[in-house]
Amino acid sequence: MKTTTFRSFAAELEEAAANCMRVLRSGLRTFSALPWPALLLAAVITACAITVIPLALMLFAIFLAIKYAVLAINGDKTTPLEKD
């Protein structure tokens, strides 16, 4: 196995940074070419995604915690369906 040196690690980081900058510049060129209604729509969709996705994940975590708390309290009891 090849040993990693700081120079090779730094070269990999520089290459990754260059690739990220290339992608960002390409995205900015694409956004600058958009007409303003399409840009407004992209901004609204991005804002909705930024607000809705964390809200959904947080609600999922809260309801999962409630479910586990209820199961921890009532886990040893049987329900009417389980009596058969």
C-alpha atoms as a PDB file:
ATOM      1  CA  MET A   1       0.000   0.000   0.000  1.00  0.00           C
ATOM      2  CA  LYS A   2       1.265   3.417  -0.912  1.00  0.00           C
ATOM      3  CA  THR A   3       2.064   5.741   1.969  1.00  0.00           C
ATOM      4  CA  THR A   4       0.341   9.088   1.932  1.00  0.00           C
ATOM      5  CA  THR A   5       2.443  12.169   2.320  1.00  0.00           C
ATOM      6  CA  PHE A   6       1.312  15.681   3.069  1.00  0.00           C
ATOM      7  CA  ARG A   7       2.184  16.773  -0.459  1.00  0.00           C
ATOM      8  CA  SER A   8      -0.014  14.125  -2.064  1.00  0.00           C
ATOM      9  CA  PHE A   9      -2.819  14.940   0.378  1.00  0.00           C
ATOM     10  CA  ALA A  10      -2.499  18.647  -0.409  1.00  0.00           C
ATOM     11  CA  ALA A  11      -2.504  17.863  -4.129  1.00  0.00           C
ATOM     12  CA  GLU A  12      -5.724  15.870  -3.716  1.00  0.00           C
ATOM     13  CA  LEU A  13      -7.305  18.744  -1.792  1.00  0.00           C
ATOM     14  CA  GLU A  14      -6.257  21.232  -4.463  1.00  0.00           C
ATOM     15  CA  GLU A  15      -7.738  19.008  -7.163  1.00  0.00           C
ATOM     16  CA  ALA A  16     -10.998  18.661  -5.221  1.00  0.00           C
ATOM     17  CA  ALA A  17     -11.143  22.426  -4.690  1.00  0.00           C
ATOM     18  CA  ALA A  18     -10.526  23.048  -8.381  1.00  0.00           C
ATOM     19  CA  ASN A  19     -13.313  20.632  -9.307  1.00  0.00           C
ATOM     20  CA  CYS A  20     -15.696  22.313  -6.845  1.00  0.00           C
ATOM     21  CA  MET A  21     -14.864  25.741  -8.235  1.00  0.00           C
ATOM     22  CA  ARG A  22     -15.443  24.478 -11.789  1.00  0.00           C
ATOM     23  CA  VAL A  23     -18.867  23.121 -10.833  1.00  0.00           C
ATOM     24  CA  LEU A  24     -19.782  26.327  -8.986  1.00  0.00           C
ATOM     25  CA  ARG A  25     -18.720  28.525 -11.896  1.00  0.00           C
ATOM     26  CA  SER A  26     -20.723  26.362 -14.288  1.00  0.00           C
ATOM     27  CA  GLY A  27     -23.768  26.638 -12.034  1.00  0.00           C
ATOM     28  CA  LEU A  28     -23.379  30.403 -11.744  1.00  0.00           C
ATOM     29  CA  ARG A  29     -23.116  30.698 -15.528  1.00  0.00           C
ATOM     30  CA  THR A  30     -26.310  28.663 -15.843  1.00  0.00           C
ATOM     31  CA  PHE A  31     -28.118  30.865 -13.311  1.00  0.00           C
ATOM     32  CA  SER A  32     -26.917  34.055 -14.961  1.00  0.00           C
ATOM     33  CA  ALA A  33     -28.339  32.852 -18.288  1.00  0.00           C
ATOM     34  CA  LEU A  34     -31.787  32.167 -16.816  1.00  0.00           C
ATOM     35  CA  PRO A  35     -34.600  34.659 -17.372  1.00  0.00           C
ATOM     36  CA  TRP A  36     -35.869  36.250 -14.171  1.00  0.00           C
ATOM     37  CA  PRO A  37     -39.124  34.191 -13.895  1.00  0.00           C
ATOM     38  CA  ALA A  38     -37.152  30.952 -14.020  1.00  0.00           C
ATOM     39  CA  LEU A  39     -34.653  32.350 -11.522  1.00  0.00           C
ATOM     40  CA  LEU A  40     -37.521  33.313  -9.199  1.00  0.00           C
ATOM     41  CA  LEU A  41     -38.966  29.812  -9.488  1.00  0.00           C
ATOM     42  CA  ALA A  42     -35.566  28.260  -8.721  1.00  0.00           C
ATOM     43  CA  ALA A  43     -35.240  30.512  -5.663  1.00  0.00           C
ATOM     44  CA  VAL A  44     -38.710  29.585  -4.394  1.00  0.00           C
ATOM     45  CA  ILE A  45     -38.087  25.858  -4.896  1.00  0.00           C
ATOM     46  CA  THR A  46     -34.743  26.103  -3.126  1.00  0.00           C
ATOM     47  CA  ALA A  47     -36.312  28.006  -0.209  1.00  0.00           C
ATOM     48  CA  CYS A  48     -39.078  25.416   0.106  1.00  0.00           C
ATOM     49  CA  ALA A  49     -36.575  22.578   0.075  1.00  0.00           C
ATOM     50  CA  ILE A  50     -34.441  24.272   2.712  1.00  0.00           C
ATOM     51  CA  THR A  51     -37.427  24.743   5.038  1.00  0.00           C
ATOM     52  CA  VAL A  52     -39.549  21.642   4.387  1.00  0.00           C
ATOM     53  CA  ILE A  53     -36.903  18.917   4.478  1.00  0.00           C
ATOM     54  CA  PRO A  54     -35.539  19.754   7.972  1.00  0.00           C
ATOM     55  CA  LEU A  55     -39.099  20.162   9.268  1.00  0.00           C
ATOM     56  CA  ALA A  56     -40.080  16.733   7.966  1.00  0.00           C
ATOM     57  CA  LEU A  57     -36.974  15.121   9.459  1.00  0.00           C
ATOM     58  CA  MET A  58     -37.574  16.778  12.834  1.00  0.00           C
ATOM     59  CA  LEU A  59     -41.226  15.706  12.923  1.00  0.00           C
ATOM     60  CA  PHE A  60     -40.174  12.164  12.027  1.00  0.00           C
ATOM     61  CA  ALA A  61     -37.658  12.126  14.887  1.00  0.00           C
ATOM     62  CA  ILE A  62     -40.220  13.536  17.358  1.00  0.00           C
ATOM     63  CA  PHE A  63     -42.913  11.003  16.446  1.00  0.00           C
ATOM     64  CA  LEU A  64     -40.386   8.172  16.528  1.00  0.00           C
ATOM     65  CA  ALA A  65     -39.294   9.237  20.020  1.00  0.00           C
ATOM     66  CA  ILE A  66     -42.930   9.384  21.156  1.00  0.00           C
ATOM     67  CA  LYS A  67     -43.525   5.922  19.726  1.00  0.00           C
ATOM     68  CA  TYR A  68     -40.544   4.486  21.581  1.00  0.00           C
ATOM     69  CA  ALA A  69     -41.575   6.221  24.801  1.00  0.00           C
ATOM     70  CA  VAL A  70     -45.081   4.768  24.570  1.00  0.00           C
ATOM     71  CA  LEU A  71     -43.677   1.321  23.785  1.00  0.00           C
ATOM     72  CA  ALA A  72     -41.308   1.573  26.739  1.00  0.00           C
ATOM     73  CA  ILE A  73     -44.215   2.360  29.059  1.00  0.00           C
ATOM     74  CA  ASN A  74     -46.775  -0.069  27.599  1.00  0.00           C
ATOM     75  CA  GLY A  75     -44.515  -2.670  26.029  1.00  0.00           C
ATOM     76  CA  ASP A  76     -45.445  -5.537  28.364  1.00  0.00           C
ATOM     77  CA  LYS A  77     -49.223  -5.134  28.009  1.00  0.00           C
ATOM     78  CA  THR A  78     -51.170  -6.992  25.344  1.00  0.00           C
ATOM     79  CA  THR A  79     -53.702  -5.326  23.098  1.00  0.00           C
ATOM     80  CA  PRO A  80     -57.175  -6.734  22.422  1.00  0.00           C
ATOM     81  CA  LEU A  81     -55.996  -7.934  19.022  1.00  0.00           C
ATOM     82  CA  GLU A  82     -53.128  -9.920  20.534  1.00  0.00           C
ATOM     83  CA  LYS A  83     -55.399 -11.898  22.909  1.00  0.00           C
ATOM     84  CA  ASP A  84     -56.693 -14.200  20.156  1.00  0.00           C
END
